[in-house]
């Protein structure tokens, strides 16, 4: 079993841009009761969706894009399995996994 990663703001209160972006999408996914799904469709950016990637009845909803370097750093800062992210005074617990959506690899962040 993978150990949980603990991600927090730095000692000066600075939170890296990728973690701030993820926190925003996690907040949205919590409001909707869904997952955050990140898919790379080109060399420069990744699309971010909210929804259930396993659902055949409900399409994922596009919520934005992030640059490939930000997406890559996000993957370096998190791990597969359980993660804890604290931004300011808000803590998020999520599970990071991988899947395929319409033949495209996807990273899934599921609120836990």
PDB file of N, CA and C in Angstrom:
ATOM      1  N   UNK A   1       0.837  -1.179   0.000  1.00  0.00           N
ATOM      2  CA  UNK A   1       0.000   0.000   0.000  1.00  0.00           C
ATOM      3  C   UNK A   1       0.880   1.239   0.000  1.00  0.00           C
ATOM      4  N   UNK A   2       0.543   2.186  -0.835  1.00  0.00           N
ATOM      5  CA  UNK A   2       1.324   3.417  -0.938  1.00  0.00           C
ATOM      6  C   UNK A   2       1.081   4.287   0.284  1.00  0.00           C
ATOM      7  N   UNK A   3       2.111   4.992   0.694  1.00  0.00           N
ATOM      8  CA  UNK A   3       1.943   5.914   1.799  1.00  0.00           C
ATOM      9  C   UNK A   3       1.363   7.212   1.269  1.00  0.00           C
ATOM     10  N   UNK A   4       0.694   7.946   2.126  1.00  0.00           N
ATOM     11  CA  UNK A   4       0.088   9.209   1.727  1.00  0.00           C
ATOM     12  C   UNK A   4       1.151  10.286   1.631  1.00  0.00           C
ATOM     13  N   UNK A   5       1.018  11.151   0.648  1.00  0.00           N
ATOM     14  CA  UNK A   5       1.916  12.290   0.567  1.00  0.00           C
ATOM     15  C   UNK A   5       1.247  13.468   1.253  1.00  0.00           C
ATOM     16  N   UNK A   6       2.032  14.249   1.958  1.00  0.00           N
ATOM     17  CA  UNK A   6       1.557  15.439   2.661  1.00  0.00           C
ATOM     18  C   UNK A   6       2.115  16.652   1.944  1.00  0.00           C
ATOM     19  N   UNK A   7       1.253  17.436   1.333  1.00  0.00           N
ATOM     20  CA  UNK A   7       1.670  18.607   0.584  1.00  0.00           C
ATOM     21  C   UNK A   7       1.115  19.836   1.278  1.00  0.00           C
ATOM     22  N   UNK A   8       1.979  20.764   1.627  1.00  0.00           N
ATOM     23  CA  UNK A   8       1.524  21.957   2.324  1.00  0.00           C
ATOM     24  C   UNK A   8       2.187  23.189   1.750  1.00  0.00           C
ATOM     25  N   UNK A   9       1.660  24.324   2.147  1.00  0.00           N
ATOM     26  CA  UNK A   9       2.304  25.583   1.799  1.00  0.00           C
ATOM     27  C   UNK A   9       3.678  25.607   2.439  1.00  0.00           C
ATOM     28  N   UNK A  10       4.609  26.279   1.808  1.00  0.00           N
ATOM     29  CA  UNK A  10       5.945  26.399   2.361  1.00  0.00           C
ATOM     30  C   UNK A  10       5.943  27.243   3.616  1.00  0.00           C
ATOM     31  N   UNK A  11       7.089  27.333   4.288  1.00  0.00           N
ATOM     32  CA  UNK A  11       7.170  28.068   5.546  1.00  0.00           C
ATOM     33  C   UNK A  11       6.806  29.543   5.396  1.00  0.00           C
ATOM     34  N   UNK A  12       6.995  30.103   4.218  1.00  0.00           N
ATOM     35  CA  UNK A  12       6.658  31.506   3.995  1.00  0.00           C
ATOM     36  C   UNK A  12       5.239  31.663   3.464  1.00  0.00           C
ATOM     37  N   UNK A  13       4.461  30.568   3.486  1.00  0.00           N
ATOM     38  CA  UNK A  13       3.087  30.609   3.016  1.00  0.00           C
ATOM     39  C   UNK A  13       2.942  30.449   1.523  1.00  0.00           C
ATOM     40  N   UNK A  14       4.056  30.292   0.807  1.00  0.00           N
ATOM     41  CA  UNK A  14       4.019  30.148  -0.650  1.00  0.00           C
ATOM     42  C   UNK A  14       3.620  28.724  -1.040  1.00  0.00           C
ATOM     43  N   UNK A  15       2.624  28.615  -1.877  1.00  0.00           N
ATOM     44  CA  UNK A  15       2.199  27.328  -2.408  1.00  0.00           C
ATOM     45  C   UNK A  15       2.516  27.326  -3.899  1.00  0.00           C
ATOM     46  N   UNK A  16       3.209  26.311  -4.408  1.00  0.00           N
ATOM     47  CA  UNK A  16       3.539  26.270  -5.832  1.00  0.00           C
ATOM     48  C   UNK A  16       2.287  26.367  -6.705  1.00  0.00           C
ATOM     49  N   UNK A  17       2.415  27.038  -7.848  1.00  0.00           N
ATOM     50  CA  UNK A  17       1.299  27.245  -8.775  1.00  0.00           C
ATOM     51  C   UNK A  17       0.538  25.962  -9.107  1.00  0.00           C
ATOM     52  N   UNK A  18       1.225  24.836  -9.389  1.00  0.00           N
ATOM     53  CA  UNK A  18       0.475  23.623  -9.709  1.00  0.00           C
ATOM     54  C   UNK A  18      -0.439  23.164  -8.575  1.00  0.00           C
ATOM     55  N   UNK A  19       0.002  23.314  -7.334  1.00  0.00           N
ATOM     56  CA  UNK A  19      -0.829  22.897  -6.199  1.00  0.00           C
ATOM     57  C   UNK A  19      -1.996  23.853  -5.993  1.00  0.00           C
ATOM     58  N   UNK A  20      -1.796  25.154  -6.248  1.00  0.00           N
ATOM     59  CA  UNK A  20      -2.905  26.106  -6.161  1.00  0.00           C
ATOM     60  C   UNK A  20      -3.949  25.788  -7.228  1.00  0.00           C
ATOM     61  N   UNK A  21      -3.476  25.458  -8.438  1.00  0.00           N
ATOM     62  CA  UNK A  21      -4.407  25.107  -9.521  1.00  0.00           C
ATOM     63  C   UNK A  21      -5.194  23.852  -9.161  1.00  0.00           C
ATOM     64  N   UNK A  22      -4.499  22.831  -8.654  1.00  0.00           N
ATOM     65  CA  UNK A  22      -5.171  21.594  -8.269  1.00  0.00           C
ATOM     66  C   UNK A  22      -6.192  21.859  -7.170  1.00  0.00           C
ATOM     67  N   UNK A  23      -5.842  22.675  -6.185  1.00  0.00           N
ATOM     68  CA  UNK A  23      -6.766  22.987  -5.098  1.00  0.00           C
ATOM     69  C   UNK A  23      -8.044  23.631  -5.640  1.00  0.00           C
ATOM     70  N   UNK A  24      -7.908  24.518  -6.614  1.00  0.00           N
ATOM     71  CA  UNK A  24      -9.076  25.150  -7.217  1.00  0.00           C
ATOM     72  C   UNK A  24      -9.968  24.141  -7.909  1.00  0.00           C
ATOM     73  N   UNK A  25      -9.367  23.226  -8.654  1.00  0.00           N
ATOM     74  CA  UNK A  25     -10.154  22.196  -9.333  1.00  0.00           C
ATOM     75  C   UNK A  25     -10.756  21.204  -8.339  1.00  0.00           C
ATOM     76  N   UNK A  26     -10.023  20.882  -7.272  1.00  0.00           N
ATOM     77  CA  UNK A  26     -10.567  19.988  -6.244  1.00  0.00           C
ATOM     78  C   UNK A  26     -11.769  20.625  -5.559  1.00  0.00           C
ATOM     79  N   UNK A  27     -11.694  21.920  -5.328  1.00  0.00           N
ATOM     80  CA  UNK A  27     -12.814  22.629  -4.713  1.00  0.00           C
ATOM     81  C   UNK A  27     -14.050  22.526  -5.615  1.00  0.00           C
ATOM     82  N   UNK A  28     -13.849  22.727  -6.899  1.00  0.00           N
ATOM     83  CA  UNK A  28     -14.937  22.601  -7.870  1.00  0.00           C
ATOM     84  C   UNK A  28     -15.484  21.174  -7.901  1.00  0.00           C
ATOM     85  N   UNK A  29     -14.579  20.198  -7.884  1.00  0.00           N
ATOM     86  CA  UNK A  29     -15.032  18.802  -7.934  1.00  0.00           C
ATOM     87  C   UNK A  29     -15.805  18.426  -6.677  1.00  0.00           C
ATOM     88  N   UNK A  30     -15.417  18.969  -5.533  1.00  0.00           N
ATOM     89  CA  UNK A  30     -16.158  18.697  -4.299  1.00  0.00           C
ATOM     90  C   UNK A  30     -17.572  19.270  -4.386  1.00  0.00           C
ATOM     91  N   UNK A  31     -17.696  20.465  -4.979  1.00  0.00           N
ATOM     92  CA  UNK A  31     -19.019  21.073  -5.151  1.00  0.00           C
ATOM     93  C   UNK A  31     -19.908  20.213  -6.042  1.00  0.00           C
ATOM     94  N   UNK A  32     -19.312  19.584  -7.041  1.00  0.00           N
ATOM     95  CA  UNK A  32     -20.070  18.784  -8.006  1.00  0.00           C
ATOM     96  C   UNK A  32     -20.160  17.313  -7.612  1.00  0.00           C
ATOM     97  N   UNK A  33     -19.380  16.883  -6.622  1.00  0.00           N
ATOM     98  CA  UNK A  33     -19.369  15.480  -6.226  1.00  0.00           C
ATOM     99  C   UNK A  33     -18.741  14.591  -7.278  1.00  0.00           C
ATOM    100  N   UNK A  34     -17.735  15.093  -7.968  1.00  0.00           N
ATOM    101  CA  UNK A  34     -17.109  14.377  -9.086  1.00  0.00           C
ATOM    102  C   UNK A  34     -15.589  14.364  -8.924  1.00  0.00           C
ATOM    103  N   UNK A  35     -14.910  13.832  -9.939  1.00  0.00           N
ATOM    104  CA  UNK A  35     -13.444  13.757  -9.983  1.00  0.00           C
ATOM    105  C   UNK A  35     -12.887  14.886 -10.849  1.00  0.00           C
ATOM    106  N   UNK A  36     -11.611  15.184 -10.647  1.00  0.00           N
ATOM    107  CA  UNK A  36     -10.863  16.054 -11.541  1.00  0.00           C
ATOM    108  C   UNK A  36     -10.089  15.128 -12.471  1.00  0.00           C
ATOM    109  N   UNK A  37     -10.202  15.352 -13.778  1.00  0.00           N
ATOM    110  CA  UNK A  37      -9.556  14.507 -14.770  1.00  0.00           C
ATOM    111  C   UNK A  37      -8.670  15.391 -15.642  1.00  0.00           C
ATOM    112  N   UNK A  38      -7.394  15.040 -15.749  1.00  0.00           N
ATOM    113  CA  UNK A  38      -6.437  15.817 -16.532  1.00  0.00           C
ATOM    114  C   UNK A  38      -5.958  14.966 -17.702  1.00  0.00           C
ATOM    115  N   UNK A  39      -6.104  15.512 -18.922  1.00  0.00           N
ATOM    116  CA  UNK A  39      -5.678  14.779 -20.122  1.00  0.00           C
ATOM    117  C   UNK A  39      -4.852  15.689 -21.013  1.00  0.00           C
ATOM    118  N   UNK A  40      -3.785  15.134 -21.527  1.00  0.00           N
ATOM    119  CA  UNK A  40      -2.911  15.872 -22.446  1.00  0.00           C
ATOM    120  C   UNK A  40      -3.384  15.606 -23.869  1.00  0.00           C
ATOM    121  N   UNK A  41      -3.779  16.676 -24.537  1.00  0.00           N
ATOM    122  CA  UNK A  41      -4.260  16.544 -25.912  1.00  0.00           C
ATOM    123  C   UNK A  41      -3.278  17.106 -26.918  1.00  0.00           C
ATOM    124  N   UNK A  42      -2.263  17.785 -26.459  1.00  0.00           N
ATOM    125  CA  UNK A  42      -1.254  18.369 -27.340  1.00  0.00           C
ATOM    126  C   UNK A  42       0.046  18.522 -26.590  1.00  0.00           C
ATOM    127  N   UNK A  43       1.025  19.108 -27.237  1.00  0.00           N
ATOM    128  CA  UNK A  43       2.340  19.241 -26.627  1.00  0.00           C
ATOM    129  C   UNK A  43       2.412  20.389 -25.624  1.00  0.00           C
ATOM    130  N   UNK A  44       1.507  21.361 -25.741  1.00  0.00           N
ATOM    131  CA  UNK A  44       1.624  22.572 -24.933  1.00  0.00           C
ATOM    132  C   UNK A  44       0.706  22.656 -23.724  1.00  0.00           C
ATOM    133  N   UNK A  45      -0.386  21.895 -23.733  1.00  0.00           N
ATOM    134  CA  UNK A  45      -1.336  22.056 -22.632  1.00  0.00           C
ATOM    135  C   UNK A  45      -2.103  20.772 -22.347  1.00  0.00           C
ATOM    136  N   UNK A  46      -2.703  20.767 -21.176  1.00  0.00           N
ATOM    137  CA  UNK A  46      -3.554  19.659 -20.740  1.00  0.00           C
ATOM    138  C   UNK A  46      -4.933  20.222 -20.457  1.00  0.00           C
ATOM    139  N   UNK A  47      -5.945  19.475 -20.839  1.00  0.00           N
ATOM    140  CA  UNK A  47      -7.323  19.853 -20.531  1.00  0.00           C
ATOM    141  C   UNK A  47      -7.681  19.299 -19.164  1.00  0.00           C
ATOM    142  N   UNK A  48      -8.448  20.069 -18.419  1.00  0.00           N
ATOM    143  CA  UNK A  48      -8.901  19.640 -17.100  1.00  0.00           C
ATOM    144  C   UNK A  48     -10.424  19.555 -17.144  1.00  0.00           C
ATOM    145  N   UNK A  49     -10.924  18.415 -16.701  1.00  0.00           N
ATOM    146  CA  UNK A  49     -12.354  18.139 -16.714  1.00  0.00           C
ATOM    147  C   UNK A  49     -12.813  17.822 -15.304  1.00  0.00           C
ATOM    148  N   UNK A  50     -14.115  17.947 -15.079  1.00  0.00           N
ATOM    149  CA  UNK A  50     -14.732  17.479 -13.847  1.00  0.00           C
ATOM    150  C   UNK A  50     -15.817  16.504 -14.257  1.00  0.00           C
ATOM    151  N   UNK A  51     -15.856  15.365 -13.615  1.00  0.00           N
ATOM    152  CA  UNK A  51     -16.857  14.353 -13.916  1.00  0.00           C
ATOM    153  C   UNK A  51     -16.394  12.988 -13.476  1.00  0.00           C
ATOM    154  N   UNK A  52     -17.108  11.984 -13.938  1.00  0.00           N
ATOM    155  CA  UNK A  52     -16.784  10.602 -13.623  1.00  0.00           C
ATOM    156  C   UNK A  52     -16.244   9.941 -14.885  1.00  0.00           C
ATOM    157  N   UNK A  53     -14.944   9.668 -14.959  1.00  0.00           N
ATOM    158  CA  UNK A  53     -14.379   9.096 -16.180  1.00  0.00           C
ATOM    159  C   UNK A  53     -14.887   7.692 -16.479  1.00  0.00           C
ATOM    160  N   UNK A  54     -15.491   7.022 -15.511  1.00  0.00           N
ATOM    161  CA  UNK A  54     -16.007   5.664 -15.721  1.00  0.00           C
ATOM    162  C   UNK A  54     -17.447   5.664 -16.247  1.00  0.00           C
ATOM    163  N   UNK A  55     -18.097   6.809 -16.198  1.00  0.00           N
ATOM    164  CA  UNK A  55     -19.498   6.883 -16.610  1.00  0.00           C
ATOM    165  C   UNK A  55     -19.616   6.924 -18.127  1.00  0.00           C
ATOM    166  N   UNK A  56     -20.430   6.041 -18.647  1.00  0.00           N
ATOM    167  CA  UNK A  56     -20.688   6.044 -20.085  1.00  0.00           C
ATOM    168  C   UNK A  56     -21.900   6.906 -20.408  1.00  0.00           C
ATOM    169  N   UNK A  57     -22.654   7.289 -19.391  1.00  0.00           N
ATOM    170  CA  UNK A  57     -23.874   8.054 -19.594  1.00  0.00           C
ATOM    171  C   UNK A  57     -23.665   9.557 -19.462  1.00  0.00           C
ATOM    172  N   UNK A  58     -22.648   9.962 -18.751  1.00  0.00           N
ATOM    173  CA  UNK A  58     -22.433  11.373 -18.466  1.00  0.00           C
ATOM    174  C   UNK A  58     -21.055  11.809 -18.981  1.00  0.00           C
ATOM    175  N   UNK A  59     -21.042  12.808 -19.845  1.00  0.00           N
ATOM    176  CA  UNK A  59     -19.783  13.300 -20.406  1.00  0.00           C
ATOM    177  C   UNK A  59     -19.026  14.128 -19.370  1.00  0.00           C
ATOM    178  N   UNK A  60     -17.715  14.131 -19.498  1.00  0.00           N
ATOM    179  CA  UNK A  60     -16.883  14.984 -18.661  1.00  0.00           C
ATOM    180  C   UNK A  60     -17.106  16.438 -19.073  1.00  0.00           C
ATOM    181  N   UNK A  61     -17.041  17.349 -18.106  1.00  0.00           N
ATOM    182  CA  UNK A  61     -17.232  18.769 -18.368  1.00  0.00           C
ATOM    183  C   UNK A  61     -15.878  19.466 -18.367  1.00  0.00           C
ATOM    184  N   UNK A  62     -15.554  20.148 -19.457  1.00  0.00           N
ATOM    185  CA  UNK A  62     -14.288  20.889 -19.540  1.00  0.00           C
ATOM    186  C   UNK A  62     -14.335  22.047 -18.559  1.00  0.00           C
ATOM    187  N   UNK A  63     -13.274  22.170 -17.755  1.00  0.00           N
ATOM    188  CA  UNK A  63     -13.202  23.242 -16.760  1.00  0.00           C
ATOM    189  C   UNK A  63     -12.010  24.165 -16.958  1.00  0.00           C
ATOM    190  N   UNK A  64     -11.130  23.830 -17.894  1.00  0.00           N
ATOM    191  CA  UNK A  64      -9.998  24.699 -18.149  1.00  0.00           C
ATOM    192  C   UNK A  64      -8.835  23.947 -18.743  1.00  0.00           C
ATOM    193  N   UNK A  65      -7.728  24.650 -18.882  1.00  0.00           N
ATOM    194  CA  UNK A  65      -6.488  24.042 -19.355  1.00  0.00           C
ATOM    195  C   UNK A  65      -5.349  24.522 -18.459  1.00  0.00           C
ATOM    196  N   UNK A  66      -4.313  23.708 -18.406  1.00  0.00           N
ATOM    197  CA  UNK A  66      -3.084  24.101 -17.729  1.00  0.00           C
ATOM    198  C   UNK A  66      -1.929  23.768 -18.659  1.00  0.00           C
ATOM    199  N   UNK A  67      -0.856  24.490 -18.519  1.00  0.00           N
ATOM    200  CA  UNK A  67       0.300  24.262 -19.382  1.00  0.00           C
ATOM    201  C   UNK A  67       0.948  22.924 -19.057  1.00  0.00           C
ATOM    202  N   UNK A  68       1.622  22.366 -20.026  1.00  0.00           N
ATOM    203  CA  UNK A  68       2.301  21.087 -19.833  1.00  0.00           C
ATOM    204  C   UNK A  68       3.329  21.158 -18.704  1.00  0.00           C
ATOM    205  N   UNK A  69       4.146  22.229 -18.607  1.00  0.00           N
ATOM    206  CA  UNK A  69       5.086  22.282 -17.475  1.00  0.00           C
ATOM    207  C   UNK A  69       4.384  22.278 -16.110  1.00  0.00           C
ATOM    208  N   UNK A  70       3.245  22.958 -15.998  1.00  0.00           N
ATOM    209  CA  UNK A  70       2.501  22.963 -14.736  1.00  0.00           C
ATOM    210  C   UNK A  70       1.957  21.566 -14.456  1.00  0.00           C
ATOM    211  N   UNK A  71       1.431  20.906 -15.487  1.00  0.00           N
ATOM    212  CA  UNK A  71       0.912  19.537 -15.317  1.00  0.00           C
ATOM    213  C   UNK A  71       2.030  18.581 -14.908  1.00  0.00           C
ATOM    214  N   UNK A  72       3.185  18.711 -15.544  1.00  0.00           N
ATOM    215  CA  UNK A  72       4.309  17.845 -15.196  1.00  0.00           C
ATOM    216  C   UNK A  72       4.747  18.051 -13.750  1.00  0.00           C
ATOM    217  N   UNK A  73       4.791  19.315 -13.313  1.00  0.00           N
ATOM    218  CA  UNK A  73       5.188  19.595 -11.933  1.00  0.00           C
ATOM    219  C   UNK A  73       4.141  19.062 -10.959  1.00  0.00           C
ATOM    220  N   UNK A  74       2.881  19.171 -11.340  1.00  0.00           N
ATOM    221  CA  UNK A  74       1.808  18.635 -10.504  1.00  0.00           C
ATOM    222  C   UNK A  74       1.975  17.134 -10.296  1.00  0.00           C
ATOM    223  N   UNK A  75       2.356  16.430 -11.348  1.00  0.00           N
ATOM    224  CA  UNK A  75       2.579  14.990 -11.231  1.00  0.00           C
ATOM    225  C   UNK A  75       3.803  14.683 -10.371  1.00  0.00           C
ATOM    226  N   UNK A  76       4.803  15.560 -10.394  1.00  0.00           N
ATOM    227  CA  UNK A  76       5.977  15.360  -9.545  1.00  0.00           C
ATOM    228  C   UNK A  76       5.672  15.651  -8.082  1.00  0.00           C
ATOM    229  N   UNK A  77       4.757  16.581  -7.833  1.00  0.00           N
ATOM    230  CA  UNK A  77       4.440  16.975  -6.460  1.00  0.00           C
ATOM    231  C   UNK A  77       3.425  16.059  -5.779  1.00  0.00           C
ATOM    232  N   UNK A  78       2.725  15.248  -6.567  1.00  0.00           N
ATOM    233  CA  UNK A  78       1.751  14.308  -6.010  1.00  0.00           C
ATOM    234  C   UNK A  78       2.198  12.894  -6.328  1.00  0.00           C
ATOM    235  N   UNK A  79       1.515  11.931  -5.758  1.00  0.00           N
ATOM    236  CA  UNK A  79       1.879  10.539  -6.002  1.00  0.00           C
ATOM    237  C   UNK A  79       0.621   9.728  -6.287  1.00  0.00           C
ATOM    238  N   UNK A  80       0.803   8.585  -6.899  1.00  0.00           N
ATOM    239  CA  UNK A  80      -0.314   7.668  -7.090  1.00  0.00           C
ATOM    240  C   UNK A  80      -0.747   7.199  -5.709  1.00  0.00           C
ATOM    241  N   UNK A  81      -2.032   7.205  -5.464  1.00  0.00           N
ATOM    242  CA  UNK A  81      -2.562   6.815  -4.166  1.00  0.00           C
ATOM    243  C   UNK A  81      -3.076   8.021  -3.414  1.00  0.00           C
ATOM    244  N   UNK A  82      -3.091   7.907  -2.104  1.00  0.00           N
ATOM    245  CA  UNK A  82      -3.668   8.949  -1.247  1.00  0.00           C
ATOM    246  C   UNK A  82      -2.695  10.117  -1.097  1.00  0.00           C
ATOM    247  N   UNK A  83      -3.240  11.316  -1.212  1.00  0.00           N
ATOM    248  CA  UNK A  83      -2.486  12.553  -1.043  1.00  0.00           C
ATOM    249  C   UNK A  83      -3.275  13.490  -0.139  1.00  0.00           C
ATOM    250  N   UNK A  84      -2.558  14.331   0.609  1.00  0.00           N
ATOM    251  CA  UNK A  84      -3.151  15.387   1.424  1.00  0.00           C
ATOM    252  C   UNK A  84      -2.519  16.691   0.977  1.00  0.00           C
ATOM    253  N   UNK A  85      -3.329  17.672   0.665  1.00  0.00           N
ATOM    254  CA  UNK A  85      -2.845  18.962   0.186  1.00  0.00           C
ATOM    255  C   UNK A  85      -3.436  20.045   1.066  1.00  0.00           C
ATOM    256  N   UNK A  86      -2.588  20.875   1.659  1.00  0.00           N
ATOM    257  CA  UNK A  86      -3.048  21.993   2.459  1.00  0.00           C
ATOM    258  C   UNK A  86      -2.642  23.286   1.769  1.00  0.00           C
ATOM    259  N   UNK A  87      -3.635  24.098   1.473  1.00  0.00           N
ATOM    260  CA  UNK A  87      -3.412  25.415   0.871  1.00  0.00           C
ATOM    261  C   UNK A  87      -4.095  26.414   1.797  1.00  0.00           C
ATOM    262  N   UNK A  88      -3.288  27.283   2.405  1.00  0.00           N
ATOM    263  CA  UNK A  88      -3.839  28.201   3.396  1.00  0.00           C
ATOM    264  C   UNK A  88      -4.356  27.396   4.573  1.00  0.00           C
ATOM    265  N   UNK A  89      -5.628  27.601   4.906  1.00  0.00           N
ATOM    266  CA  UNK A  89      -6.217  26.864   6.020  1.00  0.00           C
ATOM    267  C   UNK A  89      -7.126  25.724   5.549  1.00  0.00           C
ATOM    268  N   UNK A  90      -7.123  25.441   4.251  1.00  0.00           N
ATOM    269  CA  UNK A  90      -7.963  24.384   3.693  1.00  0.00           C
ATOM    270  C   UNK A  90      -7.119  23.149   3.370  1.00  0.00           C
ATOM    271  N   UNK A  91      -7.577  21.982   3.825  1.00  0.00           N
ATOM    272  CA  UNK A  91      -6.887  20.724   3.537  1.00  0.00           C
ATOM    273  C   UNK A  91      -7.762  19.870   2.626  1.00  0.00           C
ATOM    274  N   UNK A  92      -7.141  19.322   1.591  1.00  0.00           N
ATOM    275  CA  UNK A  92      -7.829  18.447   0.639  1.00  0.00           C
ATOM    276  C   UNK A  92      -7.200  17.065   0.732  1.00  0.00           C
ATOM    277  N   UNK A  93      -8.033  16.046   0.713  1.00  0.00           N
ATOM    278  CA  UNK A  93      -7.565  14.663   0.676  1.00  0.00           C
ATOM    279  C   UNK A  93      -8.080  14.078  -0.626  1.00  0.00           C
ATOM    280  N   UNK A  94      -7.182  13.494  -1.418  1.00  0.00           N
ATOM    281  CA  UNK A  94      -7.590  12.948  -2.708  1.00  0.00           C
ATOM    282  C   UNK A  94      -6.752  11.734  -3.058  1.00  0.00           C
ATOM    283  N   UNK A  95      -7.275  10.959  -3.982  1.00  0.00           N
ATOM    284  CA  UNK A  95      -6.613   9.755  -4.462  1.00  0.00           C
ATOM    285  C   UNK A  95      -6.247   9.990  -5.918  1.00  0.00           C
ATOM    286  N   UNK A  96      -4.971   9.842  -6.268  1.00  0.00           N
ATOM    287  CA  UNK A  96      -4.532  10.025  -7.654  1.00  0.00           C
ATOM    288  C   UNK A  96      -4.404   8.665  -8.319  1.00  0.00           C
ATOM    289  N   UNK A  97      -5.007   8.531  -9.505  1.00  0.00           N
ATOM    290  CA  UNK A  97      -4.938   7.287 -10.265  1.00  0.00           C
ATOM    291  C   UNK A  97      -4.859   7.614 -11.755  1.00  0.00           C
ATOM    292  N   UNK A  98      -4.794   6.572 -12.564  1.00  0.00           N
ATOM    293  CA  UNK A  98      -4.720   6.727 -14.011  1.00  0.00           C
ATOM    294  C   UNK A  98      -5.813   5.908 -14.667  1.00  0.00           C
ATOM    295  N   UNK A  99      -6.269   6.365 -15.823  1.00  0.00           N
ATOM    296  CA  UNK A  99      -7.252   5.628 -16.614  1.00  0.00           C
ATOM    297  C   UNK A  99      -7.121   6.069 -18.069  1.00  0.00           C
ATOM    298  N   UNK A 100      -7.950   5.528 -18.920  1.00  0.00           N
ATOM    299  CA  UNK A 100      -8.050   5.958 -20.313  1.00  0.00           C
ATOM    300  C   UNK A 100      -9.468   6.450 -20.559  1.00  0.00           C
ATOM    301  N   UNK A 101      -9.584   7.580 -21.231  1.00  0.00           N
ATOM    302  CA  UNK A 101     -10.878   8.133 -21.609  1.00  0.00           C
ATOM    303  C   UNK A 101     -10.850   8.318 -23.113  1.00  0.00           C
ATOM    304  N   UNK A 102     -11.702   7.602 -23.808  1.00  0.00           N
ATOM    305  CA  UNK A 102     -11.744   7.667 -25.276  1.00  0.00           C
ATOM    306  C   UNK A 102     -10.369   7.440 -25.894  1.00  0.00           C
ATOM    307  N   UNK A 103      -9.624   6.491 -25.340  1.00  0.00           N
ATOM    308  CA  UNK A 103      -8.314   6.125 -25.871  1.00  0.00           C
ATOM    309  C   UNK A 103      -7.182   7.052 -25.498  1.00  0.00           C
ATOM    310  N   UNK A 104      -7.444   8.033 -24.638  1.00  0.00           N
ATOM    311  CA  UNK A 104      -6.421   8.995 -24.199  1.00  0.00           C
ATOM    312  C   UNK A 104      -6.126   8.731 -22.737  1.00  0.00           C
ATOM    313  N   UNK A 105      -4.839   8.694 -22.389  1.00  0.00           N
ATOM    314  CA  UNK A 105      -4.454   8.532 -20.997  1.00  0.00           C
ATOM    315  C   UNK A 105      -4.918   9.717 -20.167  1.00  0.00           C
ATOM    316  N   UNK A 106      -5.351   9.443 -18.945  1.00  0.00           N
ATOM    317  CA  UNK A 106      -5.864  10.494 -18.080  1.00  0.00           C
ATOM    318  C   UNK A 106      -5.399  10.269 -16.650  1.00  0.00           C
ATOM    319  N   UNK A 107      -5.104  11.353 -15.975  1.00  0.00           N
ATOM    320  CA  UNK A 107      -4.797  11.334 -14.546  1.00  0.00           C
ATOM    321  C   UNK A 107      -6.080  11.740 -13.831  1.00  0.00           C
ATOM    322  N   UNK A 108      -6.457  10.976 -12.834  1.00  0.00           N
ATOM    323  CA  UNK A 108      -7.705  11.228 -12.117  1.00  0.00           C
ATOM    324  C   UNK A 108      -7.387  11.562 -10.658  1.00  0.00           C
ATOM    325  N   UNK A 109      -7.938  12.672 -10.193  1.00  0.00           N
ATOM    326  CA  UNK A 109      -7.822  13.085  -8.799  1.00  0.00           C
ATOM    327  C   UNK A 109      -9.221  12.964  -8.196  1.00  0.00           C
ATOM    328  N   UNK A 110      -9.393  11.967  -7.333  1.00  0.00           N
ATOM    329  CA  UNK A 110     -10.699  11.692  -6.741  1.00  0.00           C
ATOM    330  C   UNK A 110     -10.716  12.179  -5.305  1.00  0.00           C
ATOM    331  N   UNK A 111     -11.601  13.130  -4.963  1.00  0.00           N
ATOM    332  CA  UNK A 111     -11.683  13.565  -3.575  1.00  0.00           C
ATOM    333  C   UNK A 111     -11.969  12.373  -2.666  1.00  0.00           C
ATOM    334  N   UNK A 112     -11.300  12.356  -1.534  1.00  0.00           N
ATOM    335  CA  UNK A 112     -11.485  11.235  -0.601  1.00  0.00           C
ATOM    336  C   UNK A 112     -11.988  11.731   0.735  1.00  0.00           C
TER     337      UNK A 112
END
